């Protein structure tokens, strides 16, 4: 999820060959709620990792992750 617009995320996804849409948080409310930003005026989000269980509860929250390795790390834990 990023603070970028849908058009910016679509261009980013196309550039890197993602075959799925990226989630947008243009009003930054989700980022603030999950601790990725300190306020609604934040220029960008911190790279955090969150795993949400099927019941909607947060199972894991990491305050700093490497976006390249985090997905594999999480899959390895599951």
PDB file of N, CA and C in Angstrom:
ATOM      1  N   UNK A   1       0.852  -1.154   0.000  1.00  0.00           N
ATOM      2  CA  UNK A   1       0.000   0.000   0.000  1.00  0.00           C
ATOM      3  C   UNK A   1       0.903   1.223   0.000  1.00  0.00           C
ATOM      4  N   UNK A   2       0.492   2.225  -0.763  1.00  0.00           N
ATOM      5  CA  UNK A   2       1.286   3.453  -0.801  1.00  0.00           C
ATOM      6  C   UNK A   2       0.367   4.662  -0.798  1.00  0.00           C
ATOM      7  N   UNK A   3       0.987   5.814  -0.625  1.00  0.00           N
ATOM      8  CA  UNK A   3       0.241   7.065  -0.649  1.00  0.00           C
ATOM      9  C   UNK A   3       0.070   7.588  -2.073  1.00  0.00           C
ATOM     10  N   UNK A   4       0.592   6.887  -3.045  1.00  0.00           N
ATOM     11  CA  UNK A   4       0.487   7.302  -4.443  1.00  0.00           C
ATOM     12  C   UNK A   4      -0.936   7.141  -4.968  1.00  0.00           C
ATOM     13  N   UNK A   5      -1.216   7.842  -6.052  1.00  0.00           N
ATOM     14  CA  UNK A   5      -2.538   7.770  -6.674  1.00  0.00           C
ATOM     15  C   UNK A   5      -2.693   6.442  -7.413  1.00  0.00           C
ATOM     16  N   UNK A   6      -3.920   6.073  -7.757  1.00  0.00           N
ATOM     17  CA  UNK A   6      -4.117   4.858  -8.544  1.00  0.00           C
ATOM     18  C   UNK A   6      -3.325   4.878  -9.862  1.00  0.00           C
ATOM     19  N   UNK A   7      -3.278   6.023 -10.530  1.00  0.00           N
ATOM     20  CA  UNK A   7      -2.532   6.116 -11.795  1.00  0.00           C
ATOM     21  C   UNK A   7      -1.038   5.906 -11.564  1.00  0.00           C
ATOM     22  N   UNK A   8      -0.495   6.507 -10.508  1.00  0.00           N
ATOM     23  CA  UNK A   8       0.926   6.323 -10.197  1.00  0.00           C
ATOM     24  C   UNK A   8       1.226   4.875  -9.846  1.00  0.00           C
ATOM     25  N   UNK A   9       0.360   4.245  -9.074  1.00  0.00           N
ATOM     26  CA  UNK A   9       0.567   2.837  -8.721  1.00  0.00           C
ATOM     27  C   UNK A   9       0.440   1.929  -9.933  1.00  0.00           C
ATOM     28  N   UNK A  10      -0.481   2.232 -10.833  1.00  0.00           N
ATOM     29  CA  UNK A  10      -0.635   1.429 -12.052  1.00  0.00           C
ATOM     30  C   UNK A  10       0.628   1.523 -12.906  1.00  0.00           C
ATOM     31  N   UNK A  11       1.188   2.723 -13.033  1.00  0.00           N
ATOM     32  CA  UNK A  11       2.417   2.893 -13.815  1.00  0.00           C
ATOM     33  C   UNK A  11       3.580   2.152 -13.161  1.00  0.00           C
ATOM     34  N   UNK A  12       3.680   2.212 -11.839  1.00  0.00           N
ATOM     35  CA  UNK A  12       4.726   1.503 -11.109  1.00  0.00           C
ATOM     36  C   UNK A  12       4.585  -0.001 -11.320  1.00  0.00           C
ATOM     37  N   UNK A  13       3.363  -0.506 -11.202  1.00  0.00           N
ATOM     38  CA  UNK A  13       3.109  -1.943 -11.390  1.00  0.00           C
ATOM     39  C   UNK A  13       3.469  -2.380 -12.802  1.00  0.00           C
ATOM     40  N   UNK A  14       3.115  -1.570 -13.786  1.00  0.00           N
ATOM     41  CA  UNK A  14       3.438  -1.907 -15.172  1.00  0.00           C
ATOM     42  C   UNK A  14       4.946  -1.908 -15.394  1.00  0.00           C
ATOM     43  N   UNK A  15       5.634  -0.926 -14.844  1.00  0.00           N
ATOM     44  CA  UNK A  15       7.085  -0.814 -15.005  1.00  0.00           C
ATOM     45  C   UNK A  15       7.811  -2.039 -14.471  1.00  0.00           C
ATOM     46  N   UNK A  16       7.331  -2.572 -13.339  1.00  0.00           N
ATOM     47  CA  UNK A  16       8.012  -3.697 -12.715  1.00  0.00           C
ATOM     48  C   UNK A  16       7.337  -5.040 -12.967  1.00  0.00           C
ATOM     49  N   UNK A  17       6.321  -5.060 -13.835  1.00  0.00           N
ATOM     50  CA  UNK A  17       5.698  -6.314 -14.252  1.00  0.00           C
ATOM     51  C   UNK A  17       4.804  -6.963 -13.214  1.00  0.00           C
ATOM     52  N   UNK A  18       4.259  -6.179 -12.272  1.00  0.00           N
ATOM     53  CA  UNK A  18       3.320  -6.753 -11.312  1.00  0.00           C
ATOM     54  C   UNK A  18       2.045  -7.122 -12.042  1.00  0.00           C
ATOM     55  N   UNK A  19       1.498  -8.270 -11.736  1.00  0.00           N
ATOM     56  CA  UNK A  19       0.260  -8.726 -12.381  1.00  0.00           C
ATOM     57  C   UNK A  19      -0.941  -8.562 -11.466  1.00  0.00           C
ATOM     58  N   UNK A  20      -0.837  -7.643 -10.541  1.00  0.00           N
ATOM     59  CA  UNK A  20      -1.922  -7.393  -9.593  1.00  0.00           C
ATOM     60  C   UNK A  20      -1.947  -5.897  -9.278  1.00  0.00           C
ATOM     61  N   UNK A  21      -3.102  -5.377  -8.912  1.00  0.00           N
ATOM     62  CA  UNK A  21      -3.176  -3.944  -8.587  1.00  0.00           C
ATOM     63  C   UNK A  21      -2.554  -3.664  -7.217  1.00  0.00           C
ATOM     64  N   UNK A  22      -1.997  -2.474  -7.083  1.00  0.00           N
ATOM     65  CA  UNK A  22      -1.437  -2.039  -5.811  1.00  0.00           C
ATOM     66  C   UNK A  22      -2.477  -1.201  -5.077  1.00  0.00           C
ATOM     67  N   UNK A  23      -2.505  -1.331  -3.776  1.00  0.00           N
ATOM     68  CA  UNK A  23      -3.473  -0.592  -2.968  1.00  0.00           C
ATOM     69  C   UNK A  23      -3.004   0.837  -2.726  1.00  0.00           C
ATOM     70  N   UNK A  24      -3.949   1.757  -2.770  1.00  0.00           N
ATOM     71  CA  UNK A  24      -3.657   3.178  -2.581  1.00  0.00           C
ATOM     72  C   UNK A  24      -4.268   3.678  -1.276  1.00  0.00           C
ATOM     73  N   UNK A  25      -3.527   4.539  -0.610  1.00  0.00           N
ATOM     74  CA  UNK A  25      -3.985   5.181   0.617  1.00  0.00           C
ATOM     75  C   UNK A  25      -3.718   6.678   0.468  1.00  0.00           C
ATOM     76  N   UNK A  26      -4.384   7.296  -0.493  1.00  0.00           N
ATOM     77  CA  UNK A  26      -4.085   8.686  -0.818  1.00  0.00           C
ATOM     78  C   UNK A  26      -4.440   9.658   0.304  1.00  0.00           C
ATOM     79  N   UNK A  27      -5.364   9.296   1.173  1.00  0.00           N
ATOM     80  CA  UNK A  27      -5.674  10.195   2.291  1.00  0.00           C
ATOM     81  C   UNK A  27      -4.862   9.854   3.547  1.00  0.00           C
ATOM     82  N   UNK A  28      -4.036   8.831   3.452  1.00  0.00           N
ATOM     83  CA  UNK A  28      -3.070   8.431   4.485  1.00  0.00           C
ATOM     84  C   UNK A  28      -3.681   7.906   5.783  1.00  0.00           C
ATOM     85  N   UNK A  29      -4.953   7.696   5.821  1.00  0.00           N
ATOM     86  CA  UNK A  29      -5.614   7.247   7.055  1.00  0.00           C
ATOM     87  C   UNK A  29      -5.197   5.829   7.463  1.00  0.00           C
ATOM     88  N   UNK A  30      -5.051   4.946   6.497  1.00  0.00           N
ATOM     89  CA  UNK A  30      -4.630   3.575   6.806  1.00  0.00           C
ATOM     90  C   UNK A  30      -3.182   3.577   7.291  1.00  0.00           C
ATOM     91  N   UNK A  31      -2.341   4.353   6.615  1.00  0.00           N
ATOM     92  CA  UNK A  31      -0.943   4.456   7.021  1.00  0.00           C
ATOM     93  C   UNK A  31      -0.781   4.947   8.443  1.00  0.00           C
ATOM     94  N   UNK A  32      -1.557   5.941   8.817  1.00  0.00           N
ATOM     95  CA  UNK A  32      -1.506   6.458  10.182  1.00  0.00           C
ATOM     96  C   UNK A  32      -2.024   5.406  11.161  1.00  0.00           C
ATOM     97  N   UNK A  33      -3.131   4.754  10.817  1.00  0.00           N
ATOM     98  CA  UNK A  33      -3.728   3.749  11.711  1.00  0.00           C
ATOM     99  C   UNK A  33      -2.771   2.583  11.974  1.00  0.00           C
ATOM    100  N   UNK A  34      -1.991   2.197  10.976  1.00  0.00           N
ATOM    101  CA  UNK A  34      -1.082   1.059  11.125  1.00  0.00           C
ATOM    102  C   UNK A  34       0.318   1.461  11.567  1.00  0.00           C
ATOM    103  N   UNK A  35       0.553   2.757  11.756  1.00  0.00           N
ATOM    104  CA  UNK A  35       1.859   3.201  12.234  1.00  0.00           C
ATOM    105  C   UNK A  35       2.897   3.394  11.158  1.00  0.00           C
ATOM    106  N   UNK A  36       2.485   3.476   9.894  1.00  0.00           N
ATOM    107  CA  UNK A  36       3.428   3.698   8.805  1.00  0.00           C
ATOM    108  C   UNK A  36       3.692   5.180   8.583  1.00  0.00           C
ATOM    109  N   UNK A  37       2.882   6.032   9.198  1.00  0.00           N
ATOM    110  CA  UNK A  37       3.061   7.481   9.087  1.00  0.00           C
ATOM    111  C   UNK A  37       2.634   8.121  10.403  1.00  0.00           C
ATOM    112  N   UNK A  38       3.267   9.237  10.721  1.00  0.00           N
ATOM    113  CA  UNK A  38       2.965   9.917  11.978  1.00  0.00           C
ATOM    114  C   UNK A  38       1.760  10.851  11.878  1.00  0.00           C
ATOM    115  N   UNK A  39       1.393  11.239  10.663  1.00  0.00           N
ATOM    116  CA  UNK A  39       0.263  12.147  10.510  1.00  0.00           C
ATOM    117  C   UNK A  39      -0.252  12.146   9.085  1.00  0.00           C
ATOM    118  N   UNK A  40      -1.403  12.756   8.892  1.00  0.00           N
ATOM    119  CA  UNK A  40      -2.043  12.794   7.574  1.00  0.00           C
ATOM    120  C   UNK A  40      -1.278  13.656   6.579  1.00  0.00           C
ATOM    121  N   UNK A  41      -0.324  14.443   7.062  1.00  0.00           N
ATOM    122  CA  UNK A  41       0.476  15.284   6.176  1.00  0.00           C
ATOM    123  C   UNK A  41       1.821  14.645   5.804  1.00  0.00           C
ATOM    124  N   UNK A  42       2.033  13.395   6.168  1.00  0.00           N
ATOM    125  CA  UNK A  42       3.296  12.703   5.875  1.00  0.00           C
ATOM    126  C   UNK A  42       3.522  12.626   4.364  1.00  0.00           C
ATOM    127  N   UNK A  43       4.740  12.903   3.942  1.00  0.00           N
ATOM    128  CA  UNK A  43       5.071  12.859   2.520  1.00  0.00           C
ATOM    129  C   UNK A  43       5.123  11.428   1.996  1.00  0.00           C
ATOM    130  N   UNK A  44       5.567  10.505   2.828  1.00  0.00           N
ATOM    131  CA  UNK A  44       5.652   9.108   2.405  1.00  0.00           C
ATOM    132  C   UNK A  44       5.462   8.200   3.620  1.00  0.00           C
ATOM    133  N   UNK A  45       5.234   6.951   3.336  1.00  0.00           N
ATOM    134  CA  UNK A  45       5.038   5.956   4.392  1.00  0.00           C
ATOM    135  C   UNK A  45       6.354   5.260   4.699  1.00  0.00           C
ATOM    136  N   UNK A  46       6.515   4.861   5.960  1.00  0.00           N
ATOM    137  CA  UNK A  46       7.654   4.020   6.321  1.00  0.00           C
ATOM    138  C   UNK A  46       7.369   2.615   5.798  1.00  0.00           C
ATOM    139  N   UNK A  47       8.397   1.876   5.520  1.00  0.00           N
ATOM    140  CA  UNK A  47       8.246   0.493   5.068  1.00  0.00           C
ATOM    141  C   UNK A  47       8.062  -0.395   6.290  1.00  0.00           C
ATOM    142  N   UNK A  48       6.805  -0.667   6.609  1.00  0.00           N
ATOM    143  CA  UNK A  48       6.496  -1.561   7.717  1.00  0.00           C
ATOM    144  C   UNK A  48       5.897  -2.840   7.141  1.00  0.00           C
ATOM    145  N   UNK A  49       5.840  -3.864   7.947  1.00  0.00           N
ATOM    146  CA  UNK A  49       5.216  -5.117   7.531  1.00  0.00           C
ATOM    147  C   UNK A  49       4.127  -5.505   8.509  1.00  0.00           C
ATOM    148  N   UNK A  50       2.974  -5.833   7.980  1.00  0.00           N
ATOM    149  CA  UNK A  50       1.841  -6.216   8.812  1.00  0.00           C
ATOM    150  C   UNK A  50       1.238  -7.493   8.251  1.00  0.00           C
ATOM    151  N   UNK A  51       1.011  -8.460   9.130  1.00  0.00           N
ATOM    152  CA  UNK A  51       0.300  -9.677   8.740  1.00  0.00           C
ATOM    153  C   UNK A  51      -1.022  -9.674   9.494  1.00  0.00           C
ATOM    154  N   UNK A  52      -2.116  -9.717   8.743  1.00  0.00           N
ATOM    155  CA  UNK A  52      -3.455  -9.709   9.319  1.00  0.00           C
ATOM    156  C   UNK A  52      -4.044 -11.106   9.166  1.00  0.00           C
ATOM    157  N   UNK A  53      -4.530 -11.669  10.249  1.00  0.00           N
ATOM    158  CA  UNK A  53      -5.110 -13.007  10.238  1.00  0.00           C
ATOM    159  C   UNK A  53      -6.500 -13.017   9.622  1.00  0.00           C
ATOM    160  N   UNK A  54      -7.037 -14.215   9.389  1.00  0.00           N
ATOM    161  CA  UNK A  54      -8.373 -14.342   8.789  1.00  0.00           C
ATOM    162  C   UNK A  54      -9.472 -13.711   9.632  1.00  0.00           C
ATOM    163  N   UNK A  55      -9.198 -13.532  10.924  1.00  0.00           N
ATOM    164  CA  UNK A  55     -10.185 -12.910  11.802  1.00  0.00           C
ATOM    165  C   UNK A  55     -10.086 -11.383  11.811  1.00  0.00           C
ATOM    166  N   UNK A  56      -9.154 -10.834  11.010  1.00  0.00           N
ATOM    167  CA  UNK A  56      -8.992  -9.388  10.935  1.00  0.00           C
ATOM    168  C   UNK A  56      -8.058  -8.803  11.973  1.00  0.00           C
ATOM    169  N   UNK A  57      -7.498  -9.646  12.824  1.00  0.00           N
ATOM    170  CA  UNK A  57      -6.575  -9.166  13.858  1.00  0.00           C
ATOM    171  C   UNK A  57      -5.142  -9.189  13.359  1.00  0.00           C
ATOM    172  N   UNK A  58      -4.369  -8.215  13.814  1.00  0.00           N
ATOM    173  CA  UNK A  58      -2.955  -8.157  13.440  1.00  0.00           C
ATOM    174  C   UNK A  58      -2.218  -9.290  14.137  1.00  0.00           C
ATOM    175  N   UNK A  59      -1.536 -10.103  13.349  1.00  0.00           N
ATOM    176  CA  UNK A  59      -0.747 -11.224  13.881  1.00  0.00           C
ATOM    177  C   UNK A  59       0.715 -10.838  14.058  1.00  0.00           C
ATOM    178  N   UNK A  60       1.226 -10.034  13.120  1.00  0.00           N
ATOM    179  CA  UNK A  60       2.619  -9.604  13.156  1.00  0.00           C
ATOM    180  C   UNK A  60       2.690  -8.155  12.714  1.00  0.00           C
ATOM    181  N   UNK A  61       3.484  -7.364  13.416  1.00  0.00           N
ATOM    182  CA  UNK A  61       3.738  -5.981  13.022  1.00  0.00           C
ATOM    183  C   UNK A  61       5.223  -5.750  13.146  1.00  0.00           C
ATOM    184  N   UNK A  62       5.869  -5.412  12.042  1.00  0.00           N
ATOM    185  CA  UNK A  62       7.305  -5.138  12.022  1.00  0.00           C
ATOM    186  C   UNK A  62       7.499  -3.672  11.670  1.00  0.00           C
ATOM    187  N   UNK A  63       8.221  -2.944  12.496  1.00  0.00           N
ATOM    188  CA  UNK A  63       8.402  -1.511  12.313  1.00  0.00           C
ATOM    189  C   UNK A  63       9.294  -1.106  11.167  1.00  0.00           C
ATOM    190  N   UNK A  64      10.075  -2.034  10.624  1.00  0.00           N
ATOM    191  CA  UNK A  64      10.940  -1.735   9.488  1.00  0.00           C
ATOM    192  C   UNK A  64      11.195  -3.032   8.747  1.00  0.00           C
ATOM    193  N   UNK A  65      10.889  -3.040   7.454  1.00  0.00           N
ATOM    194  CA  UNK A  65      11.126  -4.240   6.652  1.00  0.00           C
ATOM    195  C   UNK A  65      11.796  -3.853   5.342  1.00  0.00           C
ATOM    196  N   UNK A  66      12.444  -4.829   4.737  1.00  0.00           N
ATOM    197  CA  UNK A  66      12.992  -4.696   3.391  1.00  0.00           C
ATOM    198  C   UNK A  66      11.910  -5.191   2.436  1.00  0.00           C
ATOM    199  N   UNK A  67      11.402  -4.309   1.611  1.00  0.00           N
ATOM    200  CA  UNK A  67      10.284  -4.658   0.726  1.00  0.00           C
ATOM    201  C   UNK A  67      10.630  -5.791  -0.233  1.00  0.00           C
ATOM    202  N   UNK A  68      11.907  -5.992  -0.522  1.00  0.00           N
ATOM    203  CA  UNK A  68      12.300  -7.072  -1.438  1.00  0.00           C
ATOM    204  C   UNK A  68      12.250  -8.441  -0.762  1.00  0.00           C
ATOM    205  N   UNK A  69      12.584  -8.510   0.517  1.00  0.00           N
ATOM    206  CA  UNK A  69      12.661  -9.817   1.181  1.00  0.00           C
ATOM    207  C   UNK A  69      11.473 -10.118   2.094  1.00  0.00           C
ATOM    208  N   UNK A  70      10.727  -9.118   2.512  1.00  0.00           N
ATOM    209  CA  UNK A  70       9.629  -9.310   3.465  1.00  0.00           C
ATOM    210  C   UNK A  70       8.608 -10.347   2.996  1.00  0.00           C
ATOM    211  N   UNK A  71       8.132 -10.309   1.751  1.00  0.00           N
ATOM    212  CA  UNK A  71       7.126 -11.317   1.358  1.00  0.00           C
ATOM    213  C   UNK A  71       7.613 -12.752   1.542  1.00  0.00           C
ATOM    214  N   UNK A  72       8.837 -13.044   1.166  1.00  0.00           N
ATOM    215  CA  UNK A  72       9.368 -14.407   1.323  1.00  0.00           C
ATOM    216  C   UNK A  72       9.556 -14.760   2.792  1.00  0.00           C
ATOM    217  N   UNK A  73       9.959 -13.784   3.592  1.00  0.00           N
ATOM    218  CA  UNK A  73      10.114 -14.028   5.026  1.00  0.00           C
ATOM    219  C   UNK A  73       8.772 -14.421   5.646  1.00  0.00           C
ATOM    220  N   UNK A  74       7.736 -13.687   5.286  1.00  0.00           N
ATOM    221  CA  UNK A  74       6.407 -13.976   5.840  1.00  0.00           C
ATOM    222  C   UNK A  74       5.909 -15.338   5.381  1.00  0.00           C
ATOM    223  N   UNK A  75       6.067 -15.642   4.104  1.00  0.00           N
ATOM    224  CA  UNK A  75       5.634 -16.950   3.592  1.00  0.00           C
ATOM    225  C   UNK A  75       6.398 -18.071   4.284  1.00  0.00           C
ATOM    226  N   UNK A  76       7.655 -17.853   4.575  1.00  0.00           N
ATOM    227  CA  UNK A  76       8.451 -18.856   5.291  1.00  0.00           C
ATOM    228  C   UNK A  76       7.943 -19.089   6.699  1.00  0.00           C
ATOM    229  N   UNK A  77       7.430 -18.067   7.340  1.00  0.00           N
ATOM    230  CA  UNK A  77       6.889 -18.193   8.692  1.00  0.00           C
ATOM    231  C   UNK A  77       5.552 -18.933   8.711  1.00  0.00           C
ATOM    232  N   UNK A  78       4.783 -18.751   7.641  1.00  0.00           N
ATOM    233  CA  UNK A  78       3.480 -19.382   7.600  1.00  0.00           C
ATOM    234  C   UNK A  78       3.615 -20.867   7.376  1.00  0.00           C
TER     235      UNK A  78
END
